Amino acid sequence: MSEYIREDRERRAREDIQRREEQREMRDDRAREPPARTQDRDEADSMRRLAEVVNDPDIAIDTSMMKSINDPEQIMMPSGEVAKVTRRMSRRRQSFPSFRRDLILPRTNKKRKKNPKLAMAMKQANARGRKKNGGFKKGYDQARIAKLAQRLLKKMK
C-alpha cells in the first residue's frame, strides 16, 4: 500500500513540475510578443494625420491658429472650443482630460474679486475644527471644515 502512495506522490510531483514549466514557457512567449500598438505605429499614424491636414488645400492656418497648435497647455474640444489644460489634468497624463468651464470662458472681475465673508467663514471654521497645535480635532478633516465654512458663509448672507 505504501508503494502505491509513494508512486502517486512522485507522479503528482512530476505533473506539478511539468505544469510549472508550461506556465513559465507561456509567460516567456507572452513577453516575447510585440505590444499591440508600438511607438513606431503611433508615430506613423500621427504623421499620416498631419499629412492629411497639410495636403488639404481647403485648410488655411493663420498665426493665431499656429500659436494654439504649438501651445501644449491648450486643447481643442470636439465642439471646436479651445480650452486650457489644468496642471492637475496634465499630471495624470489622461488622453481625454475633463475641462473646467471657467478655464474656457473668460473670467469676469466679479469672479476675480476676493470674498471677505468667505475668508472670515474659513477662519471661524478652522478655529472650530482645529486644535491649538494646528491638527484636526477628532471627527474633523479639511472637507468637513470647508463644508462648515460654506454653511457659515450662507448664514452671513
C-alpha atoms as a PDB file:
ATOM      1  CA  MET A   1       0.000   0.000   0.000  1.00  0.00           C
ATOM      2  CA  SER A   2       2.778   2.437   0.879  1.00  0.00           C
ATOM      3  CA  GLU A   3       4.443   1.794  -2.511  1.00  0.00           C
ATOM      4  CA  TYR A   4       1.308   2.977  -4.296  1.00  0.00           C
ATOM      5  CA  ILE A   5       1.185   6.137  -2.176  1.00  0.00           C
ATOM      6  CA  ARG A   6       4.867   6.877  -2.854  1.00  0.00           C
ATOM      7  CA  GLU A   7       4.395   6.344  -6.614  1.00  0.00           C
ATOM      8  CA  ASP A   8       1.322   8.566  -6.592  1.00  0.00           C
ATOM      9  CA  ARG A   9       3.227  11.348  -4.795  1.00  0.00           C
ATOM     10  CA  GLU A  10       6.098  11.074  -7.262  1.00  0.00           C
ATOM     11  CA  ARG A  11       3.680  11.177 -10.197  1.00  0.00           C
ATOM     12  CA  ARG A  12       1.958  14.298  -8.747  1.00  0.00           C
ATOM     13  CA  ALA A  13       5.337  15.968  -8.187  1.00  0.00           C
ATOM     14  CA  ARG A  14       6.330  15.289 -11.822  1.00  0.00           C
ATOM     15  CA  GLU A  15       2.994  16.675 -13.059  1.00  0.00           C
ATOM     16  CA  ASP A  16       3.426  19.803 -10.897  1.00  0.00           C
ATOM     17  CA  ILE A  17       6.920  20.382 -12.291  1.00  0.00           C
ATOM     18  CA  GLN A  18       5.658  19.896 -15.836  1.00  0.00           C
ATOM     19  CA  ARG A  19       2.704  22.300 -15.226  1.00  0.00           C
ATOM     20  CA  ARG A  20       5.061  24.969 -13.807  1.00  0.00           C
ATOM     21  CA  GLU A  21       7.377  24.634 -16.827  1.00  0.00           C
ATOM     22  CA  GLU A  22       4.439  25.054 -19.223  1.00  0.00           C
ATOM     23  CA  GLN A  23       3.270  28.152 -17.357  1.00  0.00           C
ATOM     24  CA  ARG A  24       6.812  29.596 -17.443  1.00  0.00           C
ATOM     25  CA  GLU A  25       7.020  28.950 -21.206  1.00  0.00           C
ATOM     26  CA  MET A  26       3.643  30.627 -21.765  1.00  0.00           C
ATOM     27  CA  ARG A  27       4.796  33.651 -19.729  1.00  0.00           C
ATOM     28  CA  ASP A  28       8.019  33.842 -21.773  1.00  0.00           C
ATOM     29  CA  ASP A  29       6.062  33.589 -25.041  1.00  0.00           C
ATOM     30  CA  ARG A  30       3.773  36.448 -23.954  1.00  0.00           C
ATOM     31  CA  ALA A  31       6.806  38.547 -23.021  1.00  0.00           C
ATOM     32  CA  ARG A  32       8.381  37.975 -26.456  1.00  0.00           C
ATOM     33  CA  GLU A  33       5.243  39.041 -28.331  1.00  0.00           C
ATOM     34  CA  PRO A  34       5.310  42.642 -29.568  1.00  0.00           C
ATOM     35  CA  PRO A  35       2.820  45.012 -27.889  1.00  0.00           C
ATOM     36  CA  ALA A  36      -0.470  45.705 -29.656  1.00  0.00           C
ATOM     37  CA  ARG A  37       0.491  49.280 -30.618  1.00  0.00           C
ATOM     38  CA  THR A  38       4.140  50.123 -30.932  1.00  0.00           C
ATOM     39  CA  GLN A  39       5.623  53.597 -30.784  1.00  0.00           C
ATOM     40  CA  ASP A  40       6.565  53.411 -34.474  1.00  0.00           C
ATOM     41  CA  ARG A  41       2.951  52.708 -35.421  1.00  0.00           C
ATOM     42  CA  ASP A  42       1.757  55.659 -33.293  1.00  0.00           C
ATOM     43  CA  GLU A  43       4.265  57.971 -34.965  1.00  0.00           C
ATOM     44  CA  ALA A  44       3.201  56.735 -38.397  1.00  0.00           C
ATOM     45  CA  ASP A  45      -0.458  57.388 -37.548  1.00  0.00           C
ATOM     46  CA  SER A  46       0.277  60.912 -36.316  1.00  0.00           C
ATOM     47  CA  MET A  47       2.388  61.645 -39.413  1.00  0.00           C
ATOM     48  CA  ARG A  48      -0.415  60.369 -41.657  1.00  0.00           C
ATOM     49  CA  ARG A  49      -2.959  62.611 -39.908  1.00  0.00           C
ATOM     50  CA  LEU A  50      -0.608  65.592 -40.161  1.00  0.00           C
ATOM     51  CA  ALA A  51      -0.085  64.895 -43.863  1.00  0.00           C
ATOM     52  CA  GLU A  52      -3.857  64.908 -44.401  1.00  0.00           C
ATOM     53  CA  VAL A  53      -4.088  68.388 -42.868  1.00  0.00           C
ATOM     54  CA  VAL A  54      -1.036  69.764 -44.677  1.00  0.00           C
ATOM     55  CA  ASN A  55      -2.093  68.388 -48.066  1.00  0.00           C
ATOM     56  CA  ASP A  56      -5.704  69.616 -47.792  1.00  0.00           C
ATOM     57  CA  PRO A  57      -5.976  72.854 -49.840  1.00  0.00           C
ATOM     58  CA  ASP A  58      -9.172  73.885 -48.017  1.00  0.00           C
ATOM     59  CA  ILE A  59      -7.337  74.324 -44.693  1.00  0.00           C
ATOM     60  CA  ALA A  60      -5.536  77.643 -44.165  1.00  0.00           C
ATOM     61  CA  ILE A  61      -3.712  78.197 -40.860  1.00  0.00           C
ATOM     62  CA  ASP A  62      -3.070  81.750 -39.648  1.00  0.00           C
ATOM     63  CA  THR A  63      -0.694  82.866 -36.861  1.00  0.00           C
ATOM     64  CA  SER A  64      -3.297  82.668 -34.068  1.00  0.00           C
ATOM     65  CA  MET A  65      -4.125  79.084 -35.049  1.00  0.00           C
ATOM     66  CA  MET A  66      -0.424  78.254 -35.140  1.00  0.00           C
ATOM     67  CA  LYS A  67       0.005  79.576 -31.592  1.00  0.00           C
ATOM     68  CA  SER A  68      -2.888  77.401 -30.410  1.00  0.00           C
ATOM     69  CA  ILE A  69      -1.452  74.360 -32.161  1.00  0.00           C
ATOM     70  CA  ASN A  70       2.016  74.791 -30.653  1.00  0.00           C
ATOM     71  CA  ASP A  71       0.789  75.583 -27.109  1.00  0.00           C
ATOM     72  CA  PRO A  72       0.901  72.373 -25.000  1.00  0.00           C
ATOM     73  CA  GLU A  73      -1.452  73.966 -22.453  1.00  0.00           C
ATOM     74  CA  GLN A  74      -4.334  74.218 -24.968  1.00  0.00           C
ATOM     75  CA  ILE A  75      -6.584  71.512 -26.365  1.00  0.00           C
ATOM     76  CA  MET A  76      -9.429  71.743 -28.853  1.00  0.00           C
ATOM     77  CA  MET A  77     -12.652  70.126 -27.737  1.00  0.00           C
ATOM     78  CA  PRO A  78     -14.911  68.211 -30.163  1.00  0.00           C
ATOM     79  CA  SER A  79     -17.251  71.232 -30.210  1.00  0.00           C
ATOM     80  CA  GLY A  80     -14.421  73.387 -31.609  1.00  0.00           C
ATOM     81  CA  GLU A  81     -13.769  75.375 -28.433  1.00  0.00           C
ATOM     82  CA  VAL A  82     -10.150  75.833 -27.376  1.00  0.00           C
ATOM     83  CA  ALA A  83      -9.621  75.065 -23.681  1.00  0.00           C
ATOM     84  CA  LYS A  84      -6.661  75.250 -21.326  1.00  0.00           C
ATOM     85  CA  VAL A  85      -5.451  72.097 -19.598  1.00  0.00           C
ATOM     86  CA  THR A  86      -5.104  72.439 -15.840  1.00  0.00           C
ATOM     87  CA  ARG A  87      -1.965  71.263 -14.033  1.00  0.00           C
ATOM     88  CA  ARG A  88      -3.931  68.552 -12.256  1.00  0.00           C
ATOM     89  CA  MET A  89      -5.026  67.042 -15.564  1.00  0.00           C
ATOM     90  CA  SER A  90      -1.566  67.092 -17.127  1.00  0.00           C
ATOM     91  CA  ARG A  91      -0.079  65.292 -14.088  1.00  0.00           C
ATOM     92  CA  ARG A  92      -2.495  62.412 -14.558  1.00  0.00           C
ATOM     93  CA  ARG A  93      -1.476  62.093 -18.215  1.00  0.00           C
ATOM     94  CA  GLN A  94      -5.014  61.336 -19.298  1.00  0.00           C
ATOM     95  CA  SER A  95      -5.681  61.144 -23.003  1.00  0.00           C
ATOM     96  CA  PHE A  96      -9.115  62.768 -22.594  1.00  0.00           C
ATOM     97  CA  PRO A  97      -8.957  65.167 -19.646  1.00  0.00           C
ATOM     98  CA  SER A  98     -12.080  66.801 -18.328  1.00  0.00           C
ATOM     99  CA  PHE A  99     -12.307  70.558 -18.762  1.00  0.00           C
ATOM    100  CA  ARG A 100     -13.334  73.241 -16.346  1.00  0.00           C
ATOM    101  CA  ARG A 101     -15.793  75.701 -17.804  1.00  0.00           C
ATOM    102  CA  ASP A 102     -14.178  78.693 -16.087  1.00  0.00           C
ATOM    103  CA  LEU A 103     -10.921  77.999 -17.943  1.00  0.00           C
ATOM    104  CA  ILE A 104     -12.694  78.090 -21.301  1.00  0.00           C
ATOM    105  CA  LEU A 105     -14.738  81.228 -20.793  1.00  0.00           C
ATOM    106  CA  PRO A 106     -13.063  84.479 -19.778  1.00  0.00           C
ATOM    107  CA  ARG A 107     -13.448  85.239 -16.063  1.00  0.00           C
ATOM    108  CA  THR A 108     -15.186  88.430 -15.037  1.00  0.00           C
ATOM    109  CA  ASN A 109     -13.894  90.923 -12.469  1.00  0.00           C
ATOM    110  CA  LYS A 110     -16.627  89.810 -10.080  1.00  0.00           C
ATOM    111  CA  LYS A 111     -15.249  86.256 -10.091  1.00  0.00           C
ATOM    112  CA  ARG A 112     -11.703  87.507  -9.508  1.00  0.00           C
ATOM    113  CA  LYS A 113     -12.687  89.735  -6.594  1.00  0.00           C
ATOM    114  CA  LYS A 114     -11.782  88.419  -3.130  1.00  0.00           C
ATOM    115  CA  ASN A 115     -14.657  87.378  -0.915  1.00  0.00           C
ATOM    116  CA  PRO A 116     -14.002  88.751   2.598  1.00  0.00           C
ATOM    117  CA  LYS A 117     -17.036  86.969   4.046  1.00  0.00           C
ATOM    118  CA  LEU A 118     -15.731  83.621   2.826  1.00  0.00           C
ATOM    119  CA  ALA A 119     -12.329  84.390   4.332  1.00  0.00           C
ATOM    120  CA  MET A 120     -13.962  85.173   7.667  1.00  0.00           C
ATOM    121  CA  ALA A 121     -16.074  81.999   7.479  1.00  0.00           C
ATOM    122  CA  MET A 122     -12.943  79.935   6.786  1.00  0.00           C
ATOM    123  CA  LYS A 123     -11.209  81.454   9.828  1.00  0.00           C
ATOM    124  CA  GLN A 124     -14.194  80.617  12.047  1.00  0.00           C
ATOM    125  CA  ALA A 125     -14.463  77.080  10.672  1.00  0.00           C
ATOM    126  CA  ASN A 126     -10.738  76.479  11.148  1.00  0.00           C
ATOM    127  CA  ALA A 127     -10.979  77.787  14.712  1.00  0.00           C
ATOM    128  CA  ARG A 128     -13.781  75.305  15.436  1.00  0.00           C
ATOM    129  CA  GLY A 129     -12.168  72.291  13.772  1.00  0.00           C
ATOM    130  CA  ARG A 130      -8.501  72.624  14.743  1.00  0.00           C
ATOM    131  CA  LYS A 131      -6.537  72.141  17.955  1.00  0.00           C
ATOM    132  CA  LYS A 132      -4.030  74.661  19.283  1.00  0.00           C
ATOM    133  CA  ASN A 133      -1.142  72.753  17.676  1.00  0.00           C
ATOM    134  CA  GLY A 134      -2.808  73.076  14.240  1.00  0.00           C
ATOM    135  CA  GLY A 135      -4.004  69.475  13.881  1.00  0.00           C
ATOM    136  CA  PHE A 136      -7.617  68.494  13.339  1.00  0.00           C
ATOM    137  CA  LYS A 137      -9.947  67.817  16.227  1.00  0.00           C
ATOM    138  CA  LYS A 138     -11.496  64.368  16.362  1.00  0.00           C
ATOM    139  CA  GLY A 139     -14.037  63.906  13.574  1.00  0.00           C
ATOM    140  CA  TYR A 140     -12.782  66.885  11.546  1.00  0.00           C
ATOM    141  CA  ASP A 141     -10.891  66.913   8.287  1.00  0.00           C
ATOM    142  CA  GLN A 142     -10.323  69.534   5.580  1.00  0.00           C
ATOM    143  CA  ALA A 143     -13.511  68.579   3.767  1.00  0.00           C
ATOM    144  CA  ARG A 144     -15.627  68.980   6.890  1.00  0.00           C
ATOM    145  CA  ILE A 145     -14.023  72.355   7.646  1.00  0.00           C
ATOM    146  CA  ALA A 146     -14.729  73.562   4.087  1.00  0.00           C
ATOM    147  CA  LYS A 147     -18.369  72.444   4.353  1.00  0.00           C
ATOM    148  CA  LEU A 148     -18.684  74.213   7.701  1.00  0.00           C
ATOM    149  CA  ALA A 149     -17.220  77.374   6.167  1.00  0.00           C
ATOM    150  CA  GLN A 150     -19.779  77.262   3.369  1.00  0.00           C
ATOM    151  CA  ARG A 151     -22.569  76.850   5.936  1.00  0.00           C
ATOM    152  CA  LEU A 152     -21.268  79.797   7.945  1.00  0.00           C
ATOM    153  CA  LEU A 153     -20.997  81.882   4.776  1.00  0.00           C
ATOM    154  CA  LYS A 154     -24.639  81.091   3.942  1.00  0.00           C
ATOM    155  CA  LYS A 155     -25.673  82.318   7.391  1.00  0.00           C
ATOM    156  CA  MET A 156     -23.714  85.563   6.906  1.00  0.00           C
ATOM    157  CA  LYS A 157     -25.525  86.492   3.670  1.00  0.00           C
END
